[in-house]
Amino acid sequence: MLNKPDDRTDNVERIQYNIDKTNKNSELADDMIEITDDEKTKENLEAKNERRETALRSMKKEIKQEAIDKENGYK
């Protein structure tokens, strides 16, 4: 069985979609933090947003590299 060739042509778009989705989820969590009185819920949402920030930093680095690679024809 042959492996599928590595198709990176949509990586920039896919990563951007994930960045947008992560930002939206972070905003929704911030909204929940503002309206909830449950301290445990607030702590959980704040912890999730911290992890999202870490993930966003990684995705932003990755998208920059993918954009460079795409511009260079994935050489």
PDB file of N, CA and C in Angstrom:
ATOM      1  N   MET A   1       0.845  -1.184   0.000  1.00  0.00           N
ATOM      2  CA  MET A   1       0.000   0.000   0.000  1.00  0.00           C
ATOM      3  C   MET A   1       0.892   1.250   0.000  1.00  0.00           C
ATOM      4  N   LEU A   2       0.623   2.157  -0.889  1.00  0.00           N
ATOM      5  CA  LEU A   2       1.406   3.381  -0.998  1.00  0.00           C
ATOM      6  C   LEU A   2       0.845   4.460  -0.083  1.00  0.00           C
ATOM      7  N   ASN A   3       1.757   5.234   0.496  1.00  0.00           N
ATOM      8  CA  ASN A   3       1.330   6.374   1.309  1.00  0.00           C
ATOM      9  C   ASN A   3       0.860   7.503   0.406  1.00  0.00           C
ATOM     10  N   LYS A   4      -0.110   8.261   0.894  1.00  0.00           N
ATOM     11  CA  LYS A   4      -0.559   9.422   0.146  1.00  0.00           C
ATOM     12  C   LYS A   4       0.542  10.471   0.172  1.00  0.00           C
ATOM     13  N   PRO A   5       0.733  11.180  -0.930  1.00  0.00           N
ATOM     14  CA  PRO A   5       1.740  12.247  -0.928  1.00  0.00           C
ATOM     15  C   PRO A   5       1.345  13.350   0.051  1.00  0.00           C
ATOM     16  N   ASP A   6       2.346  14.005   0.597  1.00  0.00           N
ATOM     17  CA  ASP A   6       2.118  15.086   1.545  1.00  0.00           C
ATOM     18  C   ASP A   6       1.557  16.300   0.814  1.00  0.00           C
ATOM     19  N   ASP A   7       0.299  16.618   1.054  1.00  0.00           N
ATOM     20  CA  ASP A   7      -0.351  17.767   0.416  1.00  0.00           C
ATOM     21  C   ASP A   7      -0.495  18.890   1.431  1.00  0.00           C
ATOM     22  N   ARG A   8       0.379  19.876   1.324  1.00  0.00           N
ATOM     23  CA  ARG A   8       0.380  20.975   2.278  1.00  0.00           C
ATOM     24  C   ARG A   8      -0.286  22.223   1.718  1.00  0.00           C
ATOM     25  N   THR A   9      -0.915  22.122   0.575  1.00  0.00           N
ATOM     26  CA  THR A   9      -1.422  23.313  -0.110  1.00  0.00           C
ATOM     27  C   THR A   9      -2.482  24.074   0.683  1.00  0.00           C
ATOM     28  N   ASP A  10      -3.197  23.394   1.581  1.00  0.00           N
ATOM     29  CA  ASP A  10      -4.235  24.092   2.346  1.00  0.00           C
ATOM     30  C   ASP A  10      -3.843  24.328   3.810  1.00  0.00           C
ATOM     31  N   ASN A  11      -2.579  24.122   4.135  1.00  0.00           N
ATOM     32  CA  ASN A  11      -2.154  24.262   5.528  1.00  0.00           C
ATOM     33  C   ASN A  11      -2.367  25.662   6.085  1.00  0.00           C
ATOM     34  N   VAL A  12      -2.045  26.682   5.302  1.00  0.00           N
ATOM     35  CA  VAL A  12      -2.205  28.051   5.799  1.00  0.00           C
ATOM     36  C   VAL A  12      -3.677  28.314   6.122  1.00  0.00           C
ATOM     37  N   GLU A  13      -4.557  27.920   5.241  1.00  0.00           N
ATOM     38  CA  GLU A  13      -5.985  28.129   5.452  1.00  0.00           C
ATOM     39  C   GLU A  13      -6.491  27.313   6.643  1.00  0.00           C
ATOM     40  N   ARG A  14      -6.022  26.083   6.754  1.00  0.00           N
ATOM     41  CA  ARG A  14      -6.447  25.215   7.859  1.00  0.00           C
ATOM     42  C   ARG A  14      -5.981  25.779   9.200  1.00  0.00           C
ATOM     43  N   ILE A  15      -4.742  26.225   9.250  1.00  0.00           N
ATOM     44  CA  ILE A  15      -4.212  26.789  10.490  1.00  0.00           C
ATOM     45  C   ILE A  15      -4.953  28.079  10.830  1.00  0.00           C
ATOM     46  N   GLN A  16      -5.227  28.912   9.826  1.00  0.00           N
ATOM     47  CA  GLN A  16      -5.961  30.157  10.080  1.00  0.00           C
ATOM     48  C   GLN A  16      -7.350  29.859  10.619  1.00  0.00           C
ATOM     49  N   TYR A  17      -8.004  28.836  10.073  1.00  0.00           N
ATOM     50  CA  TYR A  17      -9.318  28.427  10.581  1.00  0.00           C
ATOM     51  C   TYR A  17      -9.215  28.046  12.055  1.00  0.00           C
ATOM     52  N   ASN A  18      -8.177  27.284  12.403  1.00  0.00           N
ATOM     53  CA  ASN A  18      -7.993  26.867  13.794  1.00  0.00           C
ATOM     54  C   ASN A  18      -7.697  28.057  14.702  1.00  0.00           C
ATOM     55  N   ILE A  19      -6.931  29.019  14.214  1.00  0.00           N
ATOM     56  CA  ILE A  19      -6.656  30.232  14.996  1.00  0.00           C
ATOM     57  C   ILE A  19      -7.956  30.993  15.244  1.00  0.00           C
ATOM     58  N   ASP A  20      -8.747  31.160  14.189  1.00  0.00           N
ATOM     59  CA  ASP A  20     -10.018  31.879  14.321  1.00  0.00           C
ATOM     60  C   ASP A  20     -10.947  31.186  15.308  1.00  0.00           C
ATOM     61  N   LYS A  21     -11.025  29.858  15.209  1.00  0.00           N
ATOM     62  CA  LYS A  21     -11.892  29.081  16.093  1.00  0.00           C
ATOM     63  C   LYS A  21     -11.416  29.186  17.548  1.00  0.00           C
ATOM     64  N   THR A  22     -10.117  29.117  17.753  1.00  0.00           N
ATOM     65  CA  THR A  22      -9.558  29.208  19.099  1.00  0.00           C
ATOM     66  C   THR A  22      -9.810  30.590  19.689  1.00  0.00           C
ATOM     67  N   ASN A  23      -9.640  31.631  18.879  1.00  0.00           N
ATOM     68  CA  ASN A  23      -9.934  32.994  19.353  1.00  0.00           C
ATOM     69  C   ASN A  23     -11.397  33.129  19.753  1.00  0.00           C
ATOM     70  N   LYS A  24     -12.285  32.585  18.930  1.00  0.00           N
ATOM     71  CA  LYS A  24     -13.722  32.664  19.225  1.00  0.00           C
ATOM     72  C   LYS A  24     -14.048  31.931  20.527  1.00  0.00           C
ATOM     73  N   ASN A  25     -13.481  30.736  20.705  1.00  0.00           N
ATOM     74  CA  ASN A  25     -13.725  29.984  21.932  1.00  0.00           C
ATOM     75  C   ASN A  25     -13.191  30.722  23.155  1.00  0.00           C
ATOM     76  N   SER A  26     -12.068  31.379  23.001  1.00  0.00           N
ATOM     77  CA  SER A  26     -11.498  32.154  24.095  1.00  0.00           C
ATOM     78  C   SER A  26     -12.411  33.325  24.464  1.00  0.00           C
ATOM     79  N   GLU A  27     -12.941  33.999  23.438  1.00  0.00           N
ATOM     80  CA  GLU A  27     -13.869  35.107  23.677  1.00  0.00           C
ATOM     81  C   GLU A  27     -15.136  34.624  24.379  1.00  0.00           C
ATOM     82  N   LEU A  28     -15.666  33.483  23.933  1.00  0.00           N
ATOM     83  CA  LEU A  28     -16.862  32.930  24.569  1.00  0.00           C
ATOM     84  C   LEU A  28     -16.590  32.568  26.030  1.00  0.00           C
ATOM     85  N   ALA A  29     -15.409  32.023  26.285  1.00  0.00           N
ATOM     86  CA  ALA A  29     -15.036  31.681  27.662  1.00  0.00           C
ATOM     87  C   ALA A  29     -14.920  32.952  28.508  1.00  0.00           C
ATOM     88  N   ASP A  30     -14.333  34.006  27.936  1.00  0.00           N
ATOM     89  CA  ASP A  30     -14.246  35.284  28.659  1.00  0.00           C
ATOM     90  C   ASP A  30     -15.629  35.803  29.016  1.00  0.00           C
ATOM     91  N   ASP A  31     -16.567  35.679  28.075  1.00  0.00           N
ATOM     92  CA  ASP A  31     -17.943  36.104  28.344  1.00  0.00           C
ATOM     93  C   ASP A  31     -18.540  35.309  29.497  1.00  0.00           C
ATOM     94  N   MET A  32     -18.309  34.003  29.504  1.00  0.00           N
ATOM     95  CA  MET A  32     -18.830  33.153  30.585  1.00  0.00           C
ATOM     96  C   MET A  32     -18.194  33.515  31.929  1.00  0.00           C
ATOM     97  N   ILE A  33     -16.897  33.802  31.904  1.00  0.00           N
ATOM     98  CA  ILE A  33     -16.190  34.186  33.133  1.00  0.00           C
ATOM     99  C   ILE A  33     -16.836  35.438  33.729  1.00  0.00           C
ATOM    100  N   GLU A  34     -17.217  36.364  32.863  1.00  0.00           N
ATOM    101  CA  GLU A  34     -17.827  37.615  33.322  1.00  0.00           C
ATOM    102  C   GLU A  34     -19.190  37.403  33.980  1.00  0.00           C
ATOM    103  N   ILE A  35     -19.946  36.429  33.518  1.00  0.00           N
ATOM    104  CA  ILE A  35     -21.326  36.305  34.014  1.00  0.00           C
ATOM    105  C   ILE A  35     -21.531  35.219  35.062  1.00  0.00           C
ATOM    106  N   THR A  36     -20.545  34.337  35.230  1.00  0.00           N
ATOM    107  CA  THR A  36     -20.760  33.244  36.179  1.00  0.00           C
ATOM    108  C   THR A  36     -20.292  33.638  37.580  1.00  0.00           C
ATOM    109  N   ASP A  37     -20.986  33.106  38.560  1.00  0.00           N
ATOM    110  CA  ASP A  37     -20.595  33.318  39.959  1.00  0.00           C
ATOM    111  C   ASP A  37     -19.846  32.111  40.505  1.00  0.00           C
ATOM    112  N   ASP A  38     -19.803  31.043  39.724  1.00  0.00           N
ATOM    113  CA  ASP A  38     -19.171  29.803  40.165  1.00  0.00           C
ATOM    114  C   ASP A  38     -17.648  29.913  40.015  1.00  0.00           C
ATOM    115  N   GLU A  39     -16.955  29.958  41.145  1.00  0.00           N
ATOM    116  CA  GLU A  39     -15.499  30.139  41.121  1.00  0.00           C
ATOM    117  C   GLU A  39     -14.780  28.985  40.425  1.00  0.00           C
ATOM    118  N   LYS A  40     -15.283  27.770  40.609  1.00  0.00           N
ATOM    119  CA  LYS A  40     -14.656  26.606  39.967  1.00  0.00           C
ATOM    120  C   LYS A  40     -14.769  26.725  38.444  1.00  0.00           C
ATOM    121  N   THR A  41     -15.933  27.138  37.979  1.00  0.00           N
ATOM    122  CA  THR A  41     -16.128  27.332  36.539  1.00  0.00           C
ATOM    123  C   THR A  41     -15.181  28.403  36.015  1.00  0.00           C
ATOM    124  N   LYS A  42     -15.066  29.511  36.758  1.00  0.00           N
ATOM    125  CA  LYS A  42     -14.154  30.578  36.355  1.00  0.00           C
ATOM    126  C   LYS A  42     -12.728  30.063  36.260  1.00  0.00           C
ATOM    127  N   GLU A  43     -12.304  29.323  37.264  1.00  0.00           N
ATOM    128  CA  GLU A  43     -10.940  28.776  37.270  1.00  0.00           C
ATOM    129  C   GLU A  43     -10.713  27.854  36.083  1.00  0.00           C
ATOM    130  N   ASN A  44     -11.679  26.987  35.811  1.00  0.00           N
ATOM    131  CA  ASN A  44     -11.558  26.063  34.674  1.00  0.00           C
ATOM    132  C   ASN A  44     -11.473  26.815  33.343  1.00  0.00           C
ATOM    133  N   LEU A  45     -12.322  27.824  33.176  1.00  0.00           N
ATOM    134  CA  LEU A  45     -12.326  28.594  31.938  1.00  0.00           C
ATOM    135  C   LEU A  45     -11.038  29.399  31.787  1.00  0.00           C
ATOM    136  N   GLU A  46     -10.545  29.959  32.882  1.00  0.00           N
ATOM    137  CA  GLU A  46      -9.291  30.709  32.830  1.00  0.00           C
ATOM    138  C   GLU A  46      -8.124  29.786  32.470  1.00  0.00           C
ATOM    139  N   ALA A  47      -8.128  28.576  33.019  1.00  0.00           N
ATOM    140  CA  ALA A  47      -7.074  27.607  32.700  1.00  0.00           C
ATOM    141  C   ALA A  47      -7.147  27.209  31.222  1.00  0.00           C
ATOM    142  N   LYS A  48      -8.362  27.005  30.714  1.00  0.00           N
ATOM    143  CA  LYS A  48      -8.525  26.664  29.292  1.00  0.00           C
ATOM    144  C   LYS A  48      -8.009  27.794  28.419  1.00  0.00           C
ATOM    145  N   ASN A  49      -8.307  29.038  28.802  1.00  0.00           N
ATOM    146  CA  ASN A  49      -7.851  30.165  27.996  1.00  0.00           C
ATOM    147  C   ASN A  49      -6.335  30.311  28.030  1.00  0.00           C
ATOM    148  N   GLU A  50      -5.720  29.956  29.143  1.00  0.00           N
ATOM    149  CA  GLU A  50      -4.253  29.969  29.197  1.00  0.00           C
ATOM    150  C   GLU A  50      -3.687  28.939  28.215  1.00  0.00           C
ATOM    151  N   ARG A  51      -4.289  27.755  28.184  1.00  0.00           N
ATOM    152  CA  ARG A  51      -3.843  26.737  27.229  1.00  0.00           C
ATOM    153  C   ARG A  51      -4.095  27.186  25.794  1.00  0.00           C
ATOM    154  N   ARG A  52      -5.211  27.875  25.583  1.00  0.00           N
ATOM    155  CA  ARG A  52      -5.507  28.390  24.243  1.00  0.00           C
ATOM    156  C   ARG A  52      -4.452  29.411  23.815  1.00  0.00           C
ATOM    157  N   GLU A  53      -4.032  30.268  24.729  1.00  0.00           N
ATOM    158  CA  GLU A  53      -3.000  31.259  24.407  1.00  0.00           C
ATOM    159  C   GLU A  53      -1.698  30.576  23.993  1.00  0.00           C
ATOM    160  N   THR A  54      -1.338  29.521  24.700  1.00  0.00           N
ATOM    161  CA  THR A  54      -0.138  28.761  24.346  1.00  0.00           C
ATOM    162  C   THR A  54      -0.297  28.150  22.964  1.00  0.00           C
ATOM    163  N   ALA A  55      -1.459  27.578  22.703  1.00  0.00           N
ATOM    164  CA  ALA A  55      -1.725  26.975  21.399  1.00  0.00           C
ATOM    165  C   ALA A  55      -1.704  28.028  20.293  1.00  0.00           C
ATOM    166  N   LEU A  56      -2.266  29.196  20.572  1.00  0.00           N
ATOM    167  CA  LEU A  56      -2.279  30.269  19.571  1.00  0.00           C
ATOM    168  C   LEU A  56      -0.871  30.716  19.208  1.00  0.00           C
ATOM    169  N   ARG A  57      -0.009  30.840  20.201  1.00  0.00           N
ATOM    170  CA  ARG A  57       1.380  31.220  19.906  1.00  0.00           C
ATOM    171  C   ARG A  57       2.028  30.198  18.973  1.00  0.00           C
ATOM    172  N   SER A  58       1.801  28.928  19.240  1.00  0.00           N
ATOM    173  CA  SER A  58       2.360  27.871  18.391  1.00  0.00           C
ATOM    174  C   SER A  58       1.770  27.919  16.986  1.00  0.00           C
ATOM    175  N   MET A  59       0.454  28.097  16.898  1.00  0.00           N
ATOM    176  CA  MET A  59      -0.189  28.144  15.583  1.00  0.00           C
ATOM    177  C   MET A  59       0.281  29.342  14.781  1.00  0.00           C
ATOM    178  N   LYS A  60       0.514  30.471  15.444  1.00  0.00           N
ATOM    179  CA  LYS A  60       0.976  31.663  14.731  1.00  0.00           C
ATOM    180  C   LYS A  60       2.386  31.465  14.188  1.00  0.00           C
ATOM    181  N   LYS A  61       3.227  30.792  14.947  1.00  0.00           N
ATOM    182  CA  LYS A  61       4.569  30.474  14.446  1.00  0.00           C
ATOM    183  C   LYS A  61       4.462  29.526  13.247  1.00  0.00           C
ATOM    184  N   GLU A  62       3.599  28.531  13.385  1.00  0.00           N
ATOM    185  CA  GLU A  62       3.438  27.536  12.323  1.00  0.00           C
ATOM    186  C   GLU A  62       2.887  28.170  11.050  1.00  0.00           C
ATOM    187  N   ILE A  63       1.915  29.052  11.185  1.00  0.00           N
ATOM    188  CA  ILE A  63       1.312  29.642   9.988  1.00  0.00           C
ATOM    189  C   ILE A  63       2.319  30.533   9.267  1.00  0.00           C
ATOM    190  N   LYS A  64       3.180  31.218  10.023  1.00  0.00           N
ATOM    191  CA  LYS A  64       4.220  32.035   9.378  1.00  0.00           C
ATOM    192  C   LYS A  64       5.145  31.154   8.541  1.00  0.00           C
ATOM    193  N   GLN A  65       5.565  30.036   9.119  1.00  0.00           N
ATOM    194  CA  GLN A  65       6.461  29.135   8.391  1.00  0.00           C
ATOM    195  C   GLN A  65       5.763  28.519   7.184  1.00  0.00           C
ATOM    196  N   GLU A  66       4.527  28.124   7.348  1.00  0.00           N
ATOM    197  CA  GLU A  66       3.775  27.555   6.228  1.00  0.00           C
ATOM    198  C   GLU A  66       3.585  28.577   5.111  1.00  0.00           C
ATOM    199  N   ALA A  67       3.335  29.828   5.474  1.00  0.00           N
ATOM    200  CA  ALA A  67       3.165  30.864   4.464  1.00  0.00           C
ATOM    201  C   ALA A  67       4.456  31.074   3.682  1.00  0.00           C
ATOM    202  N   ILE A  68       5.577  31.050   4.383  1.00  0.00           N
ATOM    203  CA  ILE A  68       6.881  31.173   3.712  1.00  0.00           C
ATOM    204  C   ILE A  68       7.098  29.989   2.788  1.00  0.00           C
ATOM    205  N   ASP A  69       6.838  28.785   3.296  1.00  0.00           N
ATOM    206  CA  ASP A  69       7.011  27.581   2.483  1.00  0.00           C
ATOM    207  C   ASP A  69       6.100  27.596   1.261  1.00  0.00           C
ATOM    208  N   LYS A  70       4.853  28.045   1.453  1.00  0.00           N
ATOM    209  CA  LYS A  70       3.903  28.101   0.334  1.00  0.00           C
ATOM    210  C   LYS A  70       4.409  29.102  -0.715  1.00  0.00           C
ATOM    211  N   GLU A  71       4.883  30.248  -0.244  1.00  0.00           N
ATOM    212  CA  GLU A  71       5.404  31.267  -1.168  1.00  0.00           C
ATOM    213  C   GLU A  71       6.589  30.731  -1.964  1.00  0.00           C
ATOM    214  N   ASN A  72       7.389  29.882  -1.333  1.00  0.00           N
ATOM    215  CA  ASN A  72       8.572  29.304  -1.981  1.00  0.00           C
ATOM    216  C   ASN A  72       8.259  28.009  -2.720  1.00  0.00           C
ATOM    217  N   GLY A  73       6.999  27.690  -2.860  1.00  0.00           N
ATOM    218  CA  GLY A  73       6.619  26.487  -3.607  1.00  0.00           C
ATOM    219  C   GLY A  73       6.918  25.191  -2.891  1.00  0.00           C
ATOM    220  N   TYR A  74       6.982  25.213  -1.571  1.00  0.00           N
ATOM    221  CA  TYR A  74       7.240  24.020  -0.740  1.00  0.00           C
ATOM    222  C   TYR A  74       8.513  23.298  -1.140  1.00  0.00           C
ATOM    223  N   LYS A  75       9.553  24.063  -1.367  1.00  0.00           N
ATOM    224  CA  LYS A  75      10.843  23.467  -1.758  1.00  0.00           C
ATOM    225  C   LYS A  75      11.588  22.964  -0.544  1.00  0.00           C
TER     226      LYS A  75
END
